[in-house]
Every structure is written in C-alpha cells, then in structure tokens.
C-alpha cells in the first residue's frame, strides 16, 4: 500500500476524545455555562444538584461527568457512603424524602417513558417540591443530560479536566 492510499487514523477512536466541542463551539459553551451558573443560584440546594448530576450521569453512562460530579460532591462535603448508595437510592435509608423526589424526577426525565411522565410520579414529586423547585430541577436535569450527551458523543476522557476545574483537590485519583 502506498502512502497516498494508506488510511489515516481517526481522531478520538477508542483511546481518546473524538472532538473538542468547547474549542469548536466556544460561544455555545459560554452560553450553556451561564445556564449552569444560574442553576447554582436556583431554588434547588447544591447537595441535591450534585446528586442529580451524578445519577443522570450514571443512567447515561457518561464516565467523564460521573467522574467530575462525584469529585465535586466529595469536595462539597457529600458523604462517600451516600455516593456508593446513589445507584440504589430507592433501597437506601440514606436519602431524605426531598432527595428521593429529586432523584425520581431526574430518572423519569432522563429516561422518558414512551407515554411521558406518569401523573403518579409528578404527584409524588409535588409532595416534596414546589412548582418553582420542580421547574428549576427540570432545568438541572436538562442541563446534565445535555452535558452527558456532549461528553459521551465525544468520548471525553474522565479526569482530563481535573486540573482546570480544581477537582484534583478531591483526593479521588
């Protein structure tokens, strides 16, 4: 095979990222980051936002976001045992009714059923969260699902942004 016809290695195949979306679309990343910052000042407390980010990332198989948000939660004081129990939150006694409602809403919006969100789930969530909180939480779920899709699609390497985000301080290397 001569050099002119030799197939070129594709960027980001099995061992690395496919595309740097932050570099390719910086204006969109900036606007999306503004939404993230607005969520941090929303009616939903940071501890629940951390749980939502982790649980959605688990469901979506986003190793980059899972790695990042576990480290952030740890740095914000989340107990390790709760992080270990998060995938089985329904069976764990470590989560409050409010956290359970947020996790149920996260799961149903992340894995939308064919028939939409059942009234029974909304009614259960409504017993723990106000309409404003459900609205803010819905935006939080939308945002983490969007980040998951960007990072899963581009195969962003877990831990690759630790230094940039200060996540190396989490002590979870």
N, C-alpha and C. Protein backbone atom coordinates (compact mmCIF):
# COMPACT_ATOMS: atom_id res chain seq x y z
N UNK A 1 0.86 -1.18 0.00
CA UNK A 1 0.00 0.00 0.00
C UNK A 1 0.90 1.23 0.00
N UNK A 2 0.67 2.15 -0.90
CA UNK A 2 1.50 3.35 -0.90
C UNK A 2 0.94 4.38 0.07
N UNK A 3 1.73 5.36 0.39
CA UNK A 3 1.38 6.36 1.40
C UNK A 3 0.11 7.13 1.02
N UNK A 4 -0.09 7.37 -0.26
CA UNK A 4 -1.24 8.16 -0.69
C UNK A 4 -2.57 7.45 -0.41
N UNK A 5 -2.57 6.12 -0.38
CA UNK A 5 -3.84 5.41 -0.16
C UNK A 5 -3.96 4.81 1.24
N UNK A 6 -2.95 5.01 2.05
CA UNK A 6 -2.98 4.46 3.41
C UNK A 6 -4.06 5.17 4.23
N UNK A 7 -4.94 4.39 4.88
CA UNK A 7 -5.98 5.05 5.69
C UNK A 7 -5.35 5.83 6.84
N UNK A 8 -5.90 6.98 7.10
CA UNK A 8 -5.44 7.82 8.20
C UNK A 8 -6.16 7.40 9.48
N UNK A 9 -5.44 7.41 10.59
CA UNK A 9 -6.05 7.12 11.89
C UNK A 9 -7.08 8.20 12.18
N UNK A 10 -8.22 7.79 12.65
CA UNK A 10 -9.27 8.74 13.01
C UNK A 10 -9.00 9.31 14.39
N UNK A 11 -9.18 10.60 14.52
CA UNK A 11 -9.02 11.23 15.84
C UNK A 11 -10.08 10.69 16.77
N UNK A 12 -9.67 10.40 18.00
CA UNK A 12 -10.62 10.02 19.03
C UNK A 12 -11.32 8.69 18.80
N UNK A 13 -10.62 7.71 18.34
CA UNK A 13 -11.26 6.42 18.16
C UNK A 13 -11.47 5.80 19.53
N UNK A 14 -10.81 4.71 19.85
CA UNK A 14 -11.08 4.03 21.11
C UNK A 14 -10.34 4.63 22.30
N UNK A 15 -9.28 5.33 22.10
CA UNK A 15 -8.44 5.74 23.22
C UNK A 15 -8.48 7.22 23.58
N UNK A 16 -9.30 7.99 22.95
CA UNK A 16 -9.30 9.41 23.28
C UNK A 16 -10.51 10.12 22.73
N UNK A 17 -10.60 11.41 23.02
CA UNK A 17 -11.77 12.17 22.59
C UNK A 17 -11.86 12.28 21.07
N UNK A 18 -13.09 12.36 20.59
CA UNK A 18 -13.33 12.48 19.16
C UNK A 18 -13.23 13.93 18.71
N UNK A 19 -13.78 14.81 19.50
CA UNK A 19 -13.82 16.23 19.12
C UNK A 19 -13.80 17.07 20.39
N UNK A 20 -13.19 18.21 20.30
CA UNK A 20 -13.19 19.14 21.42
C UNK A 20 -14.30 20.16 21.14
N UNK A 21 -15.51 19.86 21.63
CA UNK A 21 -16.65 20.72 21.35
C UNK A 21 -16.49 22.10 21.96
N UNK A 22 -15.76 22.21 23.08
CA UNK A 22 -15.53 23.53 23.70
C UNK A 22 -14.69 24.41 22.77
N UNK A 23 -13.75 23.80 22.10
CA UNK A 23 -12.90 24.54 21.17
C UNK A 23 -13.65 24.87 19.88
N UNK A 24 -14.48 23.93 19.42
CA UNK A 24 -15.18 24.12 18.16
C UNK A 24 -16.39 25.07 18.28
N UNK A 25 -17.01 25.12 19.45
CA UNK A 25 -18.21 25.96 19.63
C UNK A 25 -18.12 26.77 20.93
N UNK A 26 -17.09 27.59 21.07
CA UNK A 26 -16.90 28.29 22.35
C UNK A 26 -18.05 29.22 22.73
N UNK A 27 -18.70 29.82 21.76
CA UNK A 27 -19.81 30.73 22.07
C UNK A 27 -20.99 29.97 22.65
N UNK A 28 -21.24 28.77 22.18
CA UNK A 28 -22.33 27.96 22.71
C UNK A 28 -21.99 27.43 24.10
N UNK A 29 -20.74 27.03 24.29
CA UNK A 29 -20.31 26.55 25.60
C UNK A 29 -20.43 27.67 26.62
N UNK A 30 -20.06 28.88 26.23
CA UNK A 30 -20.16 30.02 27.15
C UNK A 30 -21.61 30.25 27.57
N UNK A 31 -22.52 30.22 26.64
CA UNK A 31 -23.94 30.44 26.96
C UNK A 31 -24.48 29.30 27.82
N UNK A 32 -24.09 28.09 27.50
CA UNK A 32 -24.55 26.93 28.26
C UNK A 32 -24.00 26.98 29.69
N UNK A 33 -22.78 27.43 29.82
CA UNK A 33 -22.16 27.57 31.14
C UNK A 33 -22.89 28.64 31.97
N UNK A 34 -23.41 29.66 31.32
CA UNK A 34 -24.20 30.67 32.02
C UNK A 34 -25.46 30.04 32.63
N UNK A 35 -26.07 29.11 31.92
CA UNK A 35 -27.24 28.40 32.44
C UNK A 35 -26.82 27.58 33.67
N UNK A 36 -25.69 26.91 33.58
CA UNK A 36 -25.18 26.13 34.72
C UNK A 36 -25.00 27.04 35.94
N UNK A 37 -24.41 28.19 35.75
CA UNK A 37 -24.18 29.12 36.85
C UNK A 37 -25.50 29.62 37.43
N UNK A 38 -26.49 29.86 36.59
CA UNK A 38 -27.80 30.29 37.07
C UNK A 38 -28.45 29.18 37.91
N UNK A 39 -28.23 27.92 37.54
CA UNK A 39 -28.78 26.81 38.31
C UNK A 39 -28.19 26.77 39.72
N UNK A 40 -26.95 27.14 39.87
CA UNK A 40 -26.30 27.12 41.18
C UNK A 40 -26.95 28.12 42.13
N UNK A 41 -27.66 29.09 41.57
CA UNK A 41 -28.37 30.08 42.38
C UNK A 41 -29.88 29.82 42.38
N UNK A 42 -30.31 28.64 41.94
CA UNK A 42 -31.73 28.32 41.84
C UNK A 42 -32.30 27.89 43.19
N UNK A 43 -33.54 27.46 43.17
CA UNK A 43 -34.23 27.05 44.40
C UNK A 43 -33.81 25.66 44.88
N UNK A 44 -33.00 24.97 44.10
CA UNK A 44 -32.56 23.62 44.47
C UNK A 44 -31.18 23.70 45.10
N UNK A 45 -31.06 23.13 46.28
CA UNK A 45 -29.79 23.20 47.01
C UNK A 45 -28.68 22.42 46.30
N UNK A 46 -27.47 22.88 46.51
CA UNK A 46 -26.30 22.31 45.84
C UNK A 46 -26.16 20.81 46.07
N UNK A 47 -26.45 20.34 47.27
CA UNK A 47 -26.31 18.92 47.56
C UNK A 47 -27.23 18.08 46.66
N UNK A 48 -28.43 18.56 46.41
CA UNK A 48 -29.35 17.84 45.52
C UNK A 48 -28.89 17.96 44.07
N UNK A 49 -28.43 19.13 43.68
CA UNK A 49 -27.91 19.28 42.32
C UNK A 49 -26.76 18.30 42.07
N UNK A 50 -25.91 18.11 43.07
CA UNK A 50 -24.82 17.15 42.93
C UNK A 50 -25.35 15.74 42.72
N UNK A 51 -26.35 15.34 43.52
CA UNK A 51 -26.94 14.01 43.39
C UNK A 51 -27.59 13.83 42.01
N UNK A 52 -28.27 14.86 41.55
CA UNK A 52 -28.92 14.82 40.24
C UNK A 52 -27.88 14.64 39.14
N UNK A 53 -26.79 15.40 39.21
CA UNK A 53 -25.74 15.30 38.20
C UNK A 53 -25.13 13.90 38.17
N UNK A 54 -24.91 13.34 39.33
CA UNK A 54 -24.31 12.01 39.41
C UNK A 54 -25.28 10.96 38.90
N UNK A 55 -26.53 11.01 39.35
CA UNK A 55 -27.49 9.97 38.97
C UNK A 55 -27.77 9.99 37.47
N UNK A 56 -27.97 11.16 36.89
CA UNK A 56 -28.20 11.24 35.44
C UNK A 56 -26.98 10.72 34.69
N UNK A 57 -25.79 11.05 35.17
CA UNK A 57 -24.57 10.59 34.51
C UNK A 57 -24.43 9.07 34.60
N UNK A 58 -24.85 8.49 35.72
CA UNK A 58 -24.87 7.03 35.83
C UNK A 58 -25.81 6.43 34.79
N UNK A 59 -27.02 6.97 34.72
CA UNK A 59 -28.03 6.44 33.80
C UNK A 59 -27.59 6.57 32.34
N UNK A 60 -26.89 7.65 32.03
CA UNK A 60 -26.46 7.91 30.65
C UNK A 60 -25.11 7.29 30.31
N UNK A 61 -24.45 6.69 31.30
CA UNK A 61 -23.15 6.08 31.04
C UNK A 61 -22.08 7.09 30.68
N UNK A 62 -22.16 8.28 31.27
CA UNK A 62 -21.17 9.32 30.99
C UNK A 62 -20.07 9.27 32.03
N UNK A 63 -18.99 8.59 31.71
CA UNK A 63 -17.90 8.42 32.66
C UNK A 63 -17.21 9.74 32.99
N UNK A 64 -17.09 10.64 32.01
CA UNK A 64 -16.47 11.94 32.28
C UNK A 64 -17.28 12.72 33.31
N UNK A 65 -18.59 12.84 33.09
CA UNK A 65 -19.44 13.60 34.01
C UNK A 65 -19.57 12.91 35.36
N UNK A 66 -19.67 11.59 35.36
CA UNK A 66 -19.73 10.85 36.61
C UNK A 66 -18.49 11.11 37.44
N UNK A 67 -17.33 11.02 36.83
CA UNK A 67 -16.06 11.28 37.50
C UNK A 67 -16.04 12.71 38.05
N UNK A 68 -16.41 13.66 37.23
CA UNK A 68 -16.38 15.07 37.63
C UNK A 68 -17.33 15.34 38.79
N UNK A 69 -18.55 14.87 38.69
CA UNK A 69 -19.55 15.23 39.69
C UNK A 69 -19.39 14.48 41.00
N UNK A 70 -18.84 13.29 40.96
CA UNK A 70 -18.51 12.60 42.21
C UNK A 70 -17.43 13.40 42.94
N UNK A 71 -16.43 13.86 42.21
CA UNK A 71 -15.36 14.65 42.82
C UNK A 71 -15.91 15.97 43.37
N UNK A 72 -16.77 16.63 42.61
CA UNK A 72 -17.37 17.88 43.09
C UNK A 72 -18.19 17.64 44.35
N UNK A 73 -18.99 16.59 44.35
CA UNK A 73 -19.82 16.29 45.52
C UNK A 73 -18.95 16.03 46.74
N UNK A 74 -17.90 15.29 46.55
CA UNK A 74 -16.97 15.00 47.66
C UNK A 74 -16.36 16.30 48.19
N UNK A 75 -15.96 17.17 47.29
CA UNK A 75 -15.38 18.45 47.70
C UNK A 75 -16.40 19.34 48.41
N UNK A 76 -17.69 19.16 48.09
CA UNK A 76 -18.75 19.94 48.74
C UNK A 76 -19.26 19.27 50.00
N UNK A 77 -18.58 18.21 50.43
CA UNK A 77 -18.91 17.60 51.72
C UNK A 77 -19.83 16.39 51.67
N UNK A 78 -20.14 15.91 50.49
CA UNK A 78 -21.01 14.73 50.40
C UNK A 78 -20.31 13.52 51.01
N UNK A 79 -21.07 12.73 51.75
CA UNK A 79 -20.52 11.52 52.38
C UNK A 79 -20.32 10.43 51.34
N UNK A 80 -19.20 9.74 51.44
CA UNK A 80 -18.88 8.71 50.46
C UNK A 80 -19.92 7.60 50.43
N UNK A 81 -20.45 7.20 51.57
CA UNK A 81 -21.41 6.12 51.59
C UNK A 81 -22.64 6.47 50.77
N UNK A 82 -23.08 7.72 50.84
CA UNK A 82 -24.23 8.13 50.03
C UNK A 82 -23.90 8.06 48.54
N UNK A 83 -22.67 8.38 48.19
CA UNK A 83 -22.27 8.26 46.79
C UNK A 83 -22.31 6.81 46.34
N UNK A 84 -21.89 5.91 47.21
CA UNK A 84 -21.91 4.48 46.89
C UNK A 84 -23.35 3.97 46.77
N UNK A 85 -24.26 4.52 47.55
CA UNK A 85 -25.65 4.07 47.55
C UNK A 85 -26.51 4.72 46.46
N UNK A 86 -26.00 5.72 45.81
CA UNK A 86 -26.83 6.51 44.90
C UNK A 86 -27.47 5.68 43.79
N UNK A 87 -26.77 4.71 43.24
CA UNK A 87 -27.35 3.89 42.18
C UNK A 87 -28.53 3.06 42.69
N UNK A 88 -28.59 2.85 43.99
CA UNK A 88 -29.68 2.07 44.60
C UNK A 88 -30.45 2.91 45.61
N UNK A 89 -30.66 4.17 45.30
CA UNK A 89 -31.26 5.12 46.24
C UNK A 89 -32.63 4.69 46.76
N UNK A 90 -33.39 3.97 45.95
CA UNK A 90 -34.73 3.55 46.38
C UNK A 90 -34.67 2.61 47.58
N UNK A 91 -33.62 1.81 47.67
CA UNK A 91 -33.47 0.83 48.73
C UNK A 91 -32.63 1.32 49.90
N UNK A 92 -32.03 2.48 49.76
CA UNK A 92 -31.14 3.02 50.79
C UNK A 92 -31.92 3.90 51.77
N UNK A 93 -31.51 3.86 53.01
CA UNK A 93 -32.12 4.73 54.03
C UNK A 93 -31.36 6.05 54.16
N UNK A 94 -30.39 6.30 53.31
CA UNK A 94 -29.51 7.47 53.45
C UNK A 94 -30.04 8.74 52.78
N UNK A 95 -31.19 8.66 52.10
CA UNK A 95 -31.69 9.81 51.36
C UNK A 95 -33.01 10.30 51.94
N UNK A 96 -33.15 11.62 52.01
CA UNK A 96 -34.37 12.24 52.54
C UNK A 96 -35.51 12.12 51.53
N UNK A 97 -36.74 12.33 51.98
CA UNK A 97 -37.86 12.33 51.03
C UNK A 97 -37.69 13.37 49.91
N UNK A 98 -37.15 14.52 50.23
CA UNK A 98 -36.90 15.56 49.21
C UNK A 98 -35.87 15.09 48.18
N UNK A 99 -34.81 14.46 48.66
CA UNK A 99 -33.79 13.93 47.75
C UNK A 99 -34.36 12.81 46.89
N UNK A 100 -35.19 11.97 47.48
CA UNK A 100 -35.82 10.87 46.74
C UNK A 100 -36.73 11.43 45.63
N UNK A 101 -37.45 12.48 45.93
CA UNK A 101 -38.32 13.11 44.93
C UNK A 101 -37.46 13.65 43.78
N UNK A 102 -36.37 14.32 44.12
CA UNK A 102 -35.48 14.87 43.09
C UNK A 102 -34.87 13.76 42.24
N UNK A 103 -34.50 12.67 42.88
CA UNK A 103 -33.91 11.55 42.13
C UNK A 103 -34.96 10.86 41.25
N UNK A 104 -36.18 10.73 41.73
CA UNK A 104 -37.24 10.15 40.91
C UNK A 104 -37.50 11.02 39.68
N UNK A 105 -37.55 12.34 39.89
CA UNK A 105 -37.78 13.27 38.78
C UNK A 105 -36.62 13.21 37.80
N UNK A 106 -35.41 13.13 38.32
CA UNK A 106 -34.22 13.02 37.46
C UNK A 106 -34.30 11.78 36.59
N UNK A 107 -34.64 10.66 37.19
CA UNK A 107 -34.70 9.41 36.43
C UNK A 107 -35.78 9.44 35.36
N UNK A 108 -36.96 9.93 35.70
CA UNK A 108 -38.06 9.90 34.73
C UNK A 108 -37.80 10.87 33.58
N UNK A 109 -37.17 12.01 33.85
CA UNK A 109 -36.86 12.95 32.76
C UNK A 109 -35.65 12.50 31.94
N UNK A 110 -34.75 11.75 32.56
CA UNK A 110 -33.58 11.25 31.84
C UNK A 110 -33.95 10.08 30.93
N UNK A 111 -34.78 9.21 31.41
CA UNK A 111 -35.22 8.03 30.65
C UNK A 111 -36.72 8.17 30.39
N UNK A 112 -37.09 9.12 29.58
CA UNK A 112 -38.51 9.42 29.33
C UNK A 112 -39.27 8.17 28.89
N UNK A 113 -40.32 7.83 29.63
CA UNK A 113 -41.15 6.69 29.21
C UNK A 113 -41.86 7.01 27.89
N UNK A 114 -42.21 5.99 27.13
CA UNK A 114 -42.90 6.18 25.85
C UNK A 114 -44.17 7.01 26.00
N UNK A 115 -44.86 6.84 27.12
CA UNK A 115 -46.13 7.53 27.34
C UNK A 115 -45.96 8.85 28.10
N UNK A 116 -44.72 9.32 28.27
CA UNK A 116 -44.48 10.56 29.01
C UNK A 116 -44.36 10.32 30.50
N UNK A 117 -44.28 11.38 31.24
CA UNK A 117 -44.13 11.29 32.70
C UNK A 117 -45.48 10.96 33.32
N UNK A 118 -45.56 9.84 34.03
CA UNK A 118 -46.83 9.46 34.67
C UNK A 118 -47.26 10.48 35.73
N UNK A 119 -48.57 10.71 35.82
CA UNK A 119 -49.11 11.62 36.83
C UNK A 119 -48.71 11.18 38.23
N UNK A 120 -48.65 9.88 38.46
CA UNK A 120 -48.30 9.35 39.79
C UNK A 120 -46.92 9.82 40.23
N UNK A 121 -45.97 9.86 39.31
CA UNK A 121 -44.62 10.33 39.67
C UNK A 121 -44.65 11.83 39.93
N UNK A 122 -45.31 12.58 39.05
CA UNK A 122 -45.40 14.03 39.27
C UNK A 122 -46.07 14.33 40.61
N UNK A 123 -47.17 13.64 40.90
CA UNK A 123 -47.89 13.87 42.15
C UNK A 123 -47.01 13.56 43.36
N UNK A 124 -46.21 12.50 43.27
CA UNK A 124 -45.32 12.14 44.37
C UNK A 124 -44.22 13.21 44.55
N UNK A 125 -43.66 13.67 43.43
CA UNK A 125 -42.63 14.70 43.49
C UNK A 125 -43.21 16.00 44.04
N UNK A 126 -44.44 16.31 43.65
CA UNK A 126 -45.11 17.55 44.08
C UNK A 126 -45.33 17.60 45.59
N UNK A 127 -45.32 16.44 46.26
CA UNK A 127 -45.47 16.46 47.71
C UNK A 127 -44.21 16.96 48.41
N UNK A 128 -43.09 16.94 47.71
CA UNK A 128 -41.81 17.34 48.31
C UNK A 128 -41.24 18.63 47.73
N UNK A 129 -41.64 18.98 46.53
CA UNK A 129 -41.08 20.14 45.85
C UNK A 129 -42.19 21.07 45.37
N UNK A 130 -41.94 22.37 45.46
CA UNK A 130 -42.89 23.35 44.94
C UNK A 130 -42.83 23.35 43.41
N UNK A 131 -43.78 24.03 42.79
CA UNK A 131 -43.76 24.13 41.33
C UNK A 131 -42.48 24.82 40.86
N UNK A 132 -42.06 25.86 41.56
CA UNK A 132 -40.80 26.55 41.22
C UNK A 132 -39.63 25.58 41.32
N UNK A 133 -39.59 24.79 42.38
CA UNK A 133 -38.49 23.83 42.56
C UNK A 133 -38.52 22.74 41.48
N UNK A 134 -39.71 22.28 41.11
CA UNK A 134 -39.81 21.28 40.04
C UNK A 134 -39.32 21.89 38.73
N UNK A 135 -39.68 23.12 38.49
CA UNK A 135 -39.22 23.80 37.28
C UNK A 135 -37.70 23.93 37.28
N UNK A 136 -37.12 24.43 38.37
CA UNK A 136 -35.66 24.57 38.46
C UNK A 136 -34.97 23.21 38.35
N UNK A 137 -35.53 22.20 39.01
CA UNK A 137 -34.96 20.86 38.94
C UNK A 137 -35.02 20.32 37.51
N UNK A 138 -36.10 20.60 36.81
CA UNK A 138 -36.23 20.15 35.42
C UNK A 138 -35.13 20.75 34.55
N UNK A 139 -34.81 22.02 34.78
CA UNK A 139 -33.71 22.64 34.04
C UNK A 139 -32.38 21.98 34.41
N UNK A 140 -32.20 21.66 35.68
CA UNK A 140 -30.97 20.99 36.11
C UNK A 140 -30.82 19.63 35.42
N UNK A 141 -31.91 18.88 35.32
CA UNK A 141 -31.88 17.58 34.65
C UNK A 141 -31.60 17.77 33.16
N UNK A 142 -32.22 18.76 32.57
CA UNK A 142 -31.97 19.05 31.15
C UNK A 142 -30.50 19.35 30.90
N UNK A 143 -29.92 20.16 31.76
CA UNK A 143 -28.53 20.57 31.59
C UNK A 143 -27.58 19.38 31.73
N UNK A 144 -27.73 18.57 32.76
CA UNK A 144 -26.79 17.45 32.93
C UNK A 144 -26.97 16.44 31.81
N UNK A 145 -28.20 16.22 31.36
CA UNK A 145 -28.40 15.32 30.22
C UNK A 145 -27.72 15.85 28.97
N UNK A 146 -27.75 17.15 28.77
CA UNK A 146 -27.07 17.75 27.62
C UNK A 146 -25.56 17.58 27.72
N UNK A 147 -25.01 17.87 28.89
CA UNK A 147 -23.56 17.67 29.08
C UNK A 147 -23.19 16.21 28.86
N UNK A 148 -24.02 15.30 29.38
CA UNK A 148 -23.76 13.87 29.20
C UNK A 148 -23.69 13.53 27.72
N UNK A 149 -24.61 14.04 26.95
CA UNK A 149 -24.64 13.72 25.53
C UNK A 149 -23.43 14.28 24.80
N UNK A 150 -23.02 15.47 25.15
CA UNK A 150 -21.79 16.03 24.56
C UNK A 150 -20.58 15.17 24.88
N UNK A 151 -20.45 14.80 26.14
CA UNK A 151 -19.25 14.07 26.57
C UNK A 151 -19.25 12.60 26.14
N UNK A 152 -20.41 11.96 26.14
CA UNK A 152 -20.49 10.59 25.65
C UNK A 152 -20.20 10.57 24.15
N UNK A 153 -20.81 11.48 23.43
CA UNK A 153 -20.62 11.54 21.98
C UNK A 153 -19.19 11.81 21.57
N UNK A 154 -18.50 12.61 22.37
CA UNK A 154 -17.12 12.96 22.02
C UNK A 154 -16.08 12.11 22.73
N UNK A 155 -16.54 11.18 23.58
CA UNK A 155 -15.65 10.30 24.34
C UNK A 155 -14.63 11.10 25.16
N UNK A 156 -15.12 12.11 25.86
CA UNK A 156 -14.25 12.91 26.72
C UNK A 156 -13.67 12.01 27.81
N UNK A 157 -12.39 12.12 28.03
CA UNK A 157 -11.67 11.24 28.95
C UNK A 157 -11.92 11.66 30.40
N UNK A 158 -12.39 10.73 31.24
CA UNK A 158 -12.60 11.06 32.66
C UNK A 158 -11.32 11.57 33.30
N UNK A 159 -11.46 12.62 34.09
CA UNK A 159 -10.31 13.19 34.79
C UNK A 159 -9.49 14.15 33.97
N UNK A 160 -9.78 14.27 32.68
CA UNK A 160 -8.96 15.10 31.80
C UNK A 160 -9.06 16.59 32.10
N UNK A 161 -10.08 17.01 32.81
CA UNK A 161 -10.24 18.43 33.14
C UNK A 161 -10.06 18.70 34.63
N UNK A 162 -9.56 17.71 35.37
CA UNK A 162 -9.42 17.87 36.83
C UNK A 162 -8.62 19.10 37.22
N UNK A 163 -7.48 19.30 36.62
CA UNK A 163 -6.63 20.45 36.98
C UNK A 163 -7.34 21.76 36.65
N UNK A 164 -7.99 21.82 35.50
CA UNK A 164 -8.67 23.04 35.08
C UNK A 164 -9.81 23.41 36.04
N UNK A 165 -10.54 22.41 36.54
CA UNK A 165 -11.67 22.65 37.43
C UNK A 165 -11.32 22.53 38.91
N UNK A 166 -10.06 22.27 39.23
CA UNK A 166 -9.65 22.13 40.61
C UNK A 166 -10.12 20.84 41.27
N UNK A 167 -10.49 19.85 40.47
CA UNK A 167 -11.02 18.60 41.01
C UNK A 167 -9.93 17.68 41.53
N UNK A 168 -8.70 18.00 41.23
CA UNK A 168 -7.58 17.20 41.77
C UNK A 168 -7.53 17.33 43.30
N UNK A 169 -8.17 18.36 43.84
CA UNK A 169 -8.22 18.55 45.30
C UNK A 169 -9.17 17.58 46.00
N UNK A 170 -9.98 16.86 45.22
CA UNK A 170 -10.95 15.94 45.82
C UNK A 170 -10.28 14.74 46.47
N UNK A 171 -9.05 14.45 46.09
CA UNK A 171 -8.34 13.31 46.65
C UNK A 171 -8.90 11.98 46.21
N UNK A 172 -9.45 11.93 45.00
CA UNK A 172 -10.04 10.68 44.50
C UNK A 172 -9.33 10.20 43.24
N UNK A 173 -8.05 10.30 43.20
CA UNK A 173 -7.31 9.87 41.99
C UNK A 173 -7.05 8.40 42.01
